[in-house]
Amino acid sequence: MTDAVPPTPPPSPTPPPPPSGGFDMNRPTIISLLYLSSFILGVTALIGVILAFVWKGEPHEDWEETHYQYLINTFWIGLVGTIVGIVTMIVLVGFLVLLATVALCVVRSVLSLLKAQKREPMPNPGTLFA
């Protein structure tokens, strides 16, 4: 008489890659799009950073962790740059500071968006430029 061995459960499925030529609406992508839309709508960056903090605490794939940190840092860079730009408008330097802040936030959001579509981690999430 042989002992019956219970069947082993199948390995947990990995999420399917985005369809070829398609757009993958993963969580870092949503946050990046909220940041980019904040230049038109205003408050969506605040919604994006709240989602980043909430989703960072939930179970997620390894590559997403770097995106959450990168996008949270992007929010703070944008907030501090905007405050400094507004304060320094008195001496007419603020316009350049605001322009540089907008450019930096757009570049950082687009970089995160592109990496998120490929499901790749951000290489250096703690850095200012990259």
N, C-alpha and C. Protein backbone atom coordinates (compact mmCIF):
# COMPACT_ATOMS: atom_id res chain seq x y z
N MET A 1 0.84 -1.17 0.00
CA MET A 1 0.00 0.00 0.00
C MET A 1 0.89 1.24 0.00
N THR A 2 0.63 2.12 -0.90
CA THR A 2 1.43 3.35 -1.00
C THR A 2 0.66 4.50 -0.38
N ASP A 3 1.43 5.39 0.20
CA ASP A 3 0.79 6.59 0.77
C ASP A 3 0.48 7.56 -0.36
N ALA A 4 -0.68 8.14 -0.26
CA ALA A 4 -1.08 9.13 -1.27
C ALA A 4 -0.40 10.45 -0.96
N VAL A 5 0.27 10.96 -1.93
CA VAL A 5 0.96 12.24 -1.77
C VAL A 5 0.01 13.33 -2.28
N PRO A 6 -0.25 14.33 -1.42
CA PRO A 6 -1.16 15.38 -1.91
C PRO A 6 -0.50 16.16 -3.04
N PRO A 7 -1.29 16.58 -3.98
CA PRO A 7 -0.71 17.32 -5.11
C PRO A 7 -0.16 18.67 -4.62
N THR A 8 0.94 19.03 -5.20
CA THR A 8 1.52 20.33 -4.83
C THR A 8 0.75 21.42 -5.56
N PRO A 9 0.55 22.55 -4.87
CA PRO A 9 -0.19 23.63 -5.53
C PRO A 9 0.66 24.23 -6.65
N PRO A 10 0.01 24.69 -7.68
CA PRO A 10 0.78 25.29 -8.78
C PRO A 10 1.46 26.57 -8.30
N PRO A 11 2.57 26.90 -8.90
CA PRO A 11 3.26 28.14 -8.49
C PRO A 11 2.36 29.35 -8.74
N SER A 12 2.56 30.37 -7.90
CA SER A 12 1.72 31.56 -8.05
C SER A 12 1.96 32.17 -9.43
N PRO A 13 0.88 32.52 -10.08
CA PRO A 13 1.04 33.04 -11.44
C PRO A 13 1.69 34.42 -11.41
N THR A 14 2.55 34.63 -12.36
CA THR A 14 3.14 35.97 -12.49
C THR A 14 2.22 36.78 -13.38
N PRO A 15 2.16 38.09 -13.13
CA PRO A 15 1.26 38.89 -13.97
C PRO A 15 1.72 38.84 -15.41
N PRO A 16 0.78 38.80 -16.31
CA PRO A 16 1.16 38.72 -17.72
C PRO A 16 1.83 40.02 -18.16
N PRO A 17 2.77 39.92 -19.07
CA PRO A 17 3.39 41.14 -19.59
C PRO A 17 2.35 41.96 -20.36
N PRO A 18 2.59 43.24 -20.51
CA PRO A 18 1.63 44.03 -21.27
C PRO A 18 1.54 43.54 -22.70
N PRO A 19 0.39 43.66 -23.30
CA PRO A 19 0.26 43.23 -24.68
C PRO A 19 1.22 44.01 -25.58
N SER A 20 1.69 43.33 -26.59
CA SER A 20 2.62 43.97 -27.52
C SER A 20 1.95 45.18 -28.15
N GLY A 21 2.60 46.33 -27.96
CA GLY A 21 2.05 47.56 -28.50
C GLY A 21 0.95 48.15 -27.65
N GLY A 22 0.62 47.51 -26.53
CA GLY A 22 -0.44 48.01 -25.66
C GLY A 22 0.09 48.89 -24.55
N PHE A 23 -0.81 49.35 -23.72
CA PHE A 23 -0.47 50.24 -22.61
C PHE A 23 -0.85 49.54 -21.32
N ASP A 24 0.12 49.32 -20.44
CA ASP A 24 -0.10 48.61 -19.19
C ASP A 24 -0.44 49.62 -18.09
N MET A 25 -1.64 49.54 -17.54
CA MET A 25 -2.06 50.48 -16.49
C MET A 25 -1.70 49.92 -15.11
N ASN A 26 -0.40 49.79 -14.83
CA ASN A 26 0.02 49.35 -13.50
C ASN A 26 0.05 50.55 -12.57
N ARG A 27 0.29 50.30 -11.30
CA ARG A 27 0.20 51.36 -10.30
C ARG A 27 1.20 52.50 -10.49
N PRO A 28 2.48 52.23 -10.74
CA PRO A 28 3.39 53.36 -10.99
C PRO A 28 3.00 54.17 -12.22
N THR A 29 2.41 53.53 -13.22
CA THR A 29 1.94 54.25 -14.40
C THR A 29 0.83 55.21 -14.02
N ILE A 30 -0.08 54.76 -13.19
CA ILE A 30 -1.20 55.61 -12.76
C ILE A 30 -0.67 56.84 -12.02
N ILE A 31 0.29 56.62 -11.12
CA ILE A 31 0.84 57.74 -10.36
C ILE A 31 1.55 58.72 -11.29
N SER A 32 2.33 58.21 -12.24
CA SER A 32 3.03 59.08 -13.20
C SER A 32 2.04 59.90 -14.02
N LEU A 33 0.96 59.28 -14.45
CA LEU A 33 -0.05 60.01 -15.23
C LEU A 33 -0.75 61.06 -14.37
N LEU A 34 -0.98 60.76 -13.09
CA LEU A 34 -1.56 61.76 -12.20
C LEU A 34 -0.63 62.96 -12.04
N TYR A 35 0.67 62.69 -11.91
CA TYR A 35 1.64 63.78 -11.81
C TYR A 35 1.63 64.65 -13.07
N LEU A 36 1.63 64.00 -14.23
CA LEU A 36 1.65 64.76 -15.48
C LEU A 36 0.35 65.56 -15.67
N SER A 37 -0.76 65.00 -15.25
CA SER A 37 -2.03 65.72 -15.39
C SER A 37 -2.15 66.86 -14.38
N SER A 38 -1.31 66.87 -13.36
CA SER A 38 -1.39 67.95 -12.36
C SER A 38 -0.98 69.30 -12.94
N PHE A 39 -0.27 69.31 -14.05
CA PHE A 39 0.08 70.58 -14.67
C PHE A 39 -1.13 71.26 -15.29
N ILE A 40 -2.18 70.48 -15.54
CA ILE A 40 -3.42 71.03 -16.08
C ILE A 40 -4.49 71.13 -14.99
N LEU A 41 -4.61 70.06 -14.19
CA LEU A 41 -5.69 70.00 -13.20
C LEU A 41 -5.31 70.47 -11.81
N GLY A 42 -4.03 70.49 -11.49
CA GLY A 42 -3.58 71.04 -10.21
C GLY A 42 -3.46 70.05 -9.07
N VAL A 43 -4.54 69.44 -8.63
CA VAL A 43 -4.52 68.65 -7.40
C VAL A 43 -4.19 67.18 -7.60
N THR A 44 -4.05 66.73 -8.81
CA THR A 44 -3.85 65.30 -9.03
C THR A 44 -2.49 64.81 -8.54
N ALA A 45 -1.51 65.71 -8.40
CA ALA A 45 -0.21 65.29 -7.85
C ALA A 45 -0.37 64.89 -6.39
N LEU A 46 -1.22 65.59 -5.66
CA LEU A 46 -1.48 65.23 -4.26
C LEU A 46 -2.14 63.86 -4.18
N ILE A 47 -3.07 63.60 -5.07
CA ILE A 47 -3.70 62.27 -5.11
C ILE A 47 -2.65 61.21 -5.45
N GLY A 48 -1.75 61.53 -6.38
CA GLY A 48 -0.71 60.59 -6.78
C GLY A 48 0.23 60.24 -5.64
N VAL A 49 0.66 61.23 -4.86
CA VAL A 49 1.59 60.93 -3.76
C VAL A 49 0.89 60.16 -2.65
N ILE A 50 -0.39 60.43 -2.42
CA ILE A 50 -1.14 59.65 -1.42
C ILE A 50 -1.23 58.20 -1.88
N LEU A 51 -1.54 57.99 -3.14
CA LEU A 51 -1.60 56.62 -3.67
C LEU A 51 -0.24 55.94 -3.58
N ALA A 52 0.83 56.68 -3.85
CA ALA A 52 2.18 56.10 -3.77
C ALA A 52 2.48 55.63 -2.35
N PHE A 53 2.13 56.43 -1.35
CA PHE A 53 2.36 56.03 0.03
C PHE A 53 1.49 54.83 0.43
N VAL A 54 0.23 54.82 -0.01
CA VAL A 54 -0.67 53.71 0.32
C VAL A 54 -0.21 52.43 -0.36
N TRP A 55 0.08 52.50 -1.66
CA TRP A 55 0.46 51.32 -2.42
C TRP A 55 1.84 50.82 -2.04
N LYS A 56 2.70 51.70 -1.53
CA LYS A 56 4.03 51.27 -1.11
C LYS A 56 3.93 50.31 0.08
N GLY A 57 2.90 50.49 0.91
CA GLY A 57 2.72 49.63 2.07
C GLY A 57 2.00 48.33 1.78
N GLU A 58 1.46 48.18 0.60
CA GLU A 58 0.75 46.96 0.22
C GLU A 58 1.69 46.00 -0.50
N PRO A 59 1.32 44.72 -0.57
CA PRO A 59 2.16 43.77 -1.32
C PRO A 59 2.21 44.18 -2.79
N HIS A 60 3.40 44.12 -3.36
CA HIS A 60 3.59 44.48 -4.75
C HIS A 60 4.82 43.78 -5.30
N GLU A 61 5.01 43.90 -6.58
CA GLU A 61 6.17 43.29 -7.22
C GLU A 61 7.43 44.06 -6.84
N ASP A 62 8.57 43.41 -6.94
CA ASP A 62 9.84 44.03 -6.51
C ASP A 62 10.16 45.30 -7.30
N TRP A 63 9.92 45.30 -8.59
CA TRP A 63 10.28 46.44 -9.41
C TRP A 63 9.46 47.68 -9.06
N GLU A 64 8.27 47.49 -8.50
CA GLU A 64 7.42 48.63 -8.16
C GLU A 64 7.95 49.44 -6.98
N GLU A 65 8.69 48.81 -6.08
CA GLU A 65 9.20 49.49 -4.88
C GLU A 65 10.04 50.71 -5.26
N THR A 66 10.91 50.54 -6.24
CA THR A 66 11.77 51.66 -6.64
C THR A 66 10.96 52.79 -7.28
N HIS A 67 9.90 52.42 -7.97
CA HIS A 67 9.06 53.44 -8.59
C HIS A 67 8.33 54.27 -7.53
N TYR A 68 7.82 53.61 -6.49
CA TYR A 68 7.12 54.35 -5.44
C TYR A 68 8.06 55.36 -4.78
N GLN A 69 9.28 54.93 -4.44
CA GLN A 69 10.23 55.85 -3.82
C GLN A 69 10.59 56.98 -4.77
N TYR A 70 10.81 56.65 -6.01
CA TYR A 70 11.17 57.65 -7.02
C TYR A 70 10.05 58.68 -7.21
N LEU A 71 8.81 58.20 -7.26
CA LEU A 71 7.68 59.10 -7.47
C LEU A 71 7.37 59.94 -6.23
N ILE A 72 7.58 59.39 -5.05
CA ILE A 72 7.42 60.18 -3.83
C ILE A 72 8.47 61.29 -3.80
N ASN A 73 9.70 60.95 -4.14
CA ASN A 73 10.76 61.97 -4.21
C ASN A 73 10.43 63.03 -5.26
N THR A 74 9.86 62.62 -6.37
CA THR A 74 9.48 63.57 -7.42
C THR A 74 8.46 64.57 -6.90
N PHE A 75 7.49 64.09 -6.13
CA PHE A 75 6.50 65.00 -5.55
C PHE A 75 7.17 66.04 -4.66
N TRP A 76 8.06 65.59 -3.77
CA TRP A 76 8.71 66.53 -2.85
C TRP A 76 9.61 67.51 -3.59
N ILE A 77 10.29 67.05 -4.62
CA ILE A 77 11.11 67.95 -5.43
C ILE A 77 10.23 69.02 -6.06
N GLY A 78 9.09 68.60 -6.59
CA GLY A 78 8.17 69.55 -7.21
C GLY A 78 7.59 70.54 -6.22
N LEU A 79 7.24 70.07 -5.03
CA LEU A 79 6.66 70.95 -4.01
C LEU A 79 7.69 71.98 -3.53
N VAL A 80 8.88 71.50 -3.20
CA VAL A 80 9.93 72.42 -2.71
C VAL A 80 10.34 73.39 -3.82
N GLY A 81 10.51 72.89 -5.04
CA GLY A 81 10.88 73.76 -6.15
C GLY A 81 9.82 74.82 -6.43
N THR A 82 8.56 74.46 -6.30
CA THR A 82 7.48 75.43 -6.52
C THR A 82 7.48 76.50 -5.43
N ILE A 83 7.66 76.09 -4.19
CA ILE A 83 7.69 77.06 -3.09
C ILE A 83 8.88 78.01 -3.25
N VAL A 84 10.05 77.46 -3.54
CA VAL A 84 11.24 78.30 -3.73
C VAL A 84 11.04 79.23 -4.93
N GLY A 85 10.45 78.72 -6.00
CA GLY A 85 10.21 79.55 -7.19
C GLY A 85 9.26 80.69 -6.91
N ILE A 86 8.20 80.42 -6.16
CA ILE A 86 7.24 81.48 -5.83
C ILE A 86 7.88 82.53 -4.93
N VAL A 87 8.64 82.09 -3.95
CA VAL A 87 9.29 83.03 -3.03
C VAL A 87 10.32 83.89 -3.76
N THR A 88 11.05 83.30 -4.68
CA THR A 88 12.11 84.05 -5.37
C THR A 88 11.60 84.83 -6.58
N MET A 89 10.31 84.83 -6.83
CA MET A 89 9.78 85.65 -7.93
C MET A 89 9.98 87.13 -7.66
N ILE A 90 10.17 87.48 -6.41
CA ILE A 90 10.40 88.88 -6.05
C ILE A 90 11.64 89.42 -6.77
N VAL A 91 12.65 88.59 -6.90
CA VAL A 91 13.90 89.01 -7.55
C VAL A 91 13.99 88.49 -8.98
N LEU A 92 12.87 88.07 -9.53
CA LEU A 92 12.75 87.62 -10.92
C LEU A 92 13.55 86.35 -11.24
N VAL A 93 14.05 85.68 -10.26
CA VAL A 93 14.73 84.41 -10.48
C VAL A 93 13.71 83.27 -10.40
N GLY A 94 12.61 83.54 -9.74
CA GLY A 94 11.59 82.53 -9.51
C GLY A 94 11.04 81.90 -10.76
N PHE A 95 10.95 82.69 -11.84
CA PHE A 95 10.43 82.14 -13.08
C PHE A 95 11.34 81.04 -13.62
N LEU A 96 12.64 81.25 -13.50
CA LEU A 96 13.58 80.22 -13.95
C LEU A 96 13.53 79.00 -13.04
N VAL A 97 13.37 79.24 -11.74
CA VAL A 97 13.27 78.12 -10.79
C VAL A 97 12.01 77.32 -11.07
N LEU A 98 10.90 77.99 -11.32
CA LEU A 98 9.65 77.29 -11.64
C LEU A 98 9.76 76.51 -12.95
N LEU A 99 10.39 77.12 -13.93
CA LEU A 99 10.57 76.44 -15.22
C LEU A 99 11.44 75.19 -15.06
N ALA A 100 12.52 75.30 -14.30
CA ALA A 100 13.40 74.16 -14.06
C ALA A 100 12.67 73.07 -13.26
N THR A 101 11.85 73.48 -12.30
CA THR A 101 11.10 72.51 -11.49
C THR A 101 10.10 71.75 -12.36
N VAL A 102 9.40 72.47 -13.21
CA VAL A 102 8.44 71.81 -14.10
C VAL A 102 9.16 70.84 -15.03
N ALA A 103 10.26 71.27 -15.61
CA ALA A 103 11.00 70.41 -16.52
C ALA A 103 11.50 69.15 -15.81
N LEU A 104 12.02 69.32 -14.60
CA LEU A 104 12.53 68.17 -13.85
C LEU A 104 11.42 67.20 -13.49
N CYS A 105 10.28 67.71 -13.06
CA CYS A 105 9.17 66.83 -12.69
C CYS A 105 8.59 66.11 -13.90
N VAL A 106 8.52 66.78 -15.02
CA VAL A 106 8.03 66.13 -16.24
C VAL A 106 8.98 65.02 -16.67
N VAL A 107 10.28 65.31 -16.67
CA VAL A 107 11.26 64.30 -17.08
C VAL A 107 11.23 63.10 -16.14
N ARG A 108 11.18 63.35 -14.83
CA ARG A 108 11.15 62.25 -13.86
C ARG A 108 9.87 61.42 -14.02
N SER A 109 8.74 62.06 -14.25
CA SER A 109 7.48 61.33 -14.42
C SER A 109 7.49 60.50 -15.69
N VAL A 110 8.01 61.05 -16.77
CA VAL A 110 8.06 60.31 -18.03
C VAL A 110 9.04 59.14 -17.92
N LEU A 111 10.18 59.34 -17.27
CA LEU A 111 11.13 58.23 -17.08
C LEU A 111 10.49 57.09 -16.29
N SER A 112 9.78 57.44 -15.24
CA SER A 112 9.10 56.41 -14.44
C SER A 112 8.02 55.72 -15.26
N LEU A 113 7.30 56.48 -16.05
CA LEU A 113 6.25 55.93 -16.89
C LEU A 113 6.82 54.93 -17.90
N LEU A 114 7.93 55.30 -18.53
CA LEU A 114 8.54 54.40 -19.52
C LEU A 114 9.07 53.12 -18.87
N LYS A 115 9.73 53.26 -17.73
CA LYS A 115 10.24 52.06 -17.03
C LYS A 115 9.10 51.19 -16.53
N ALA A 116 8.01 51.82 -16.07
CA ALA A 116 6.87 51.05 -15.56
C ALA A 116 6.20 50.25 -16.68
N GLN A 117 6.19 50.79 -17.88
CA GLN A 117 5.61 50.06 -19.00
C GLN A 117 6.42 48.82 -19.35
N LYS A 118 7.72 48.88 -19.09
CA LYS A 118 8.58 47.72 -19.33
C LYS A 118 8.69 46.83 -18.10
N ARG A 119 8.06 47.25 -16.99
CA ARG A 119 8.12 46.54 -15.70
C ARG A 119 9.56 46.42 -15.21
N GLU A 120 10.32 47.48 -15.38
CA GLU A 120 11.70 47.53 -14.94
C GLU A 120 11.81 48.46 -13.73
N PRO A 121 12.71 48.17 -12.80
CA PRO A 121 12.89 49.06 -11.65
C PRO A 121 13.61 50.34 -12.06
N MET A 122 13.42 51.38 -11.27
CA MET A 122 14.17 52.61 -11.48
C MET A 122 15.58 52.37 -10.99
N PRO A 123 16.61 52.77 -11.76
CA PRO A 123 17.99 52.43 -11.39
C PRO A 123 18.46 53.08 -10.09
N ASN A 124 18.17 54.36 -9.87
CA ASN A 124 18.61 55.06 -8.68
C ASN A 124 17.45 55.90 -8.13
N PRO A 125 16.55 55.29 -7.38
CA PRO A 125 15.34 56.04 -6.97
C PRO A 125 15.60 57.17 -6.00
N GLY A 126 16.75 57.19 -5.33
CA GLY A 126 17.01 58.23 -4.35
C GLY A 126 17.73 59.45 -4.90
N THR A 127 18.08 59.44 -6.20
CA THR A 127 18.86 60.55 -6.75
C THR A 127 17.93 61.67 -7.23
N LEU A 128 18.52 62.83 -7.38
CA LEU A 128 17.76 63.99 -7.82
C LEU A 128 17.55 63.97 -9.34
N PHE A 129 18.60 63.69 -10.08
CA PHE A 129 18.51 63.70 -11.54
C PHE A 129 18.67 62.29 -12.07
N ALA A 130 17.62 61.64 -12.44
CA ALA A 130 17.70 60.34 -13.13
C ALA A 130 16.66 59.45 -12.69
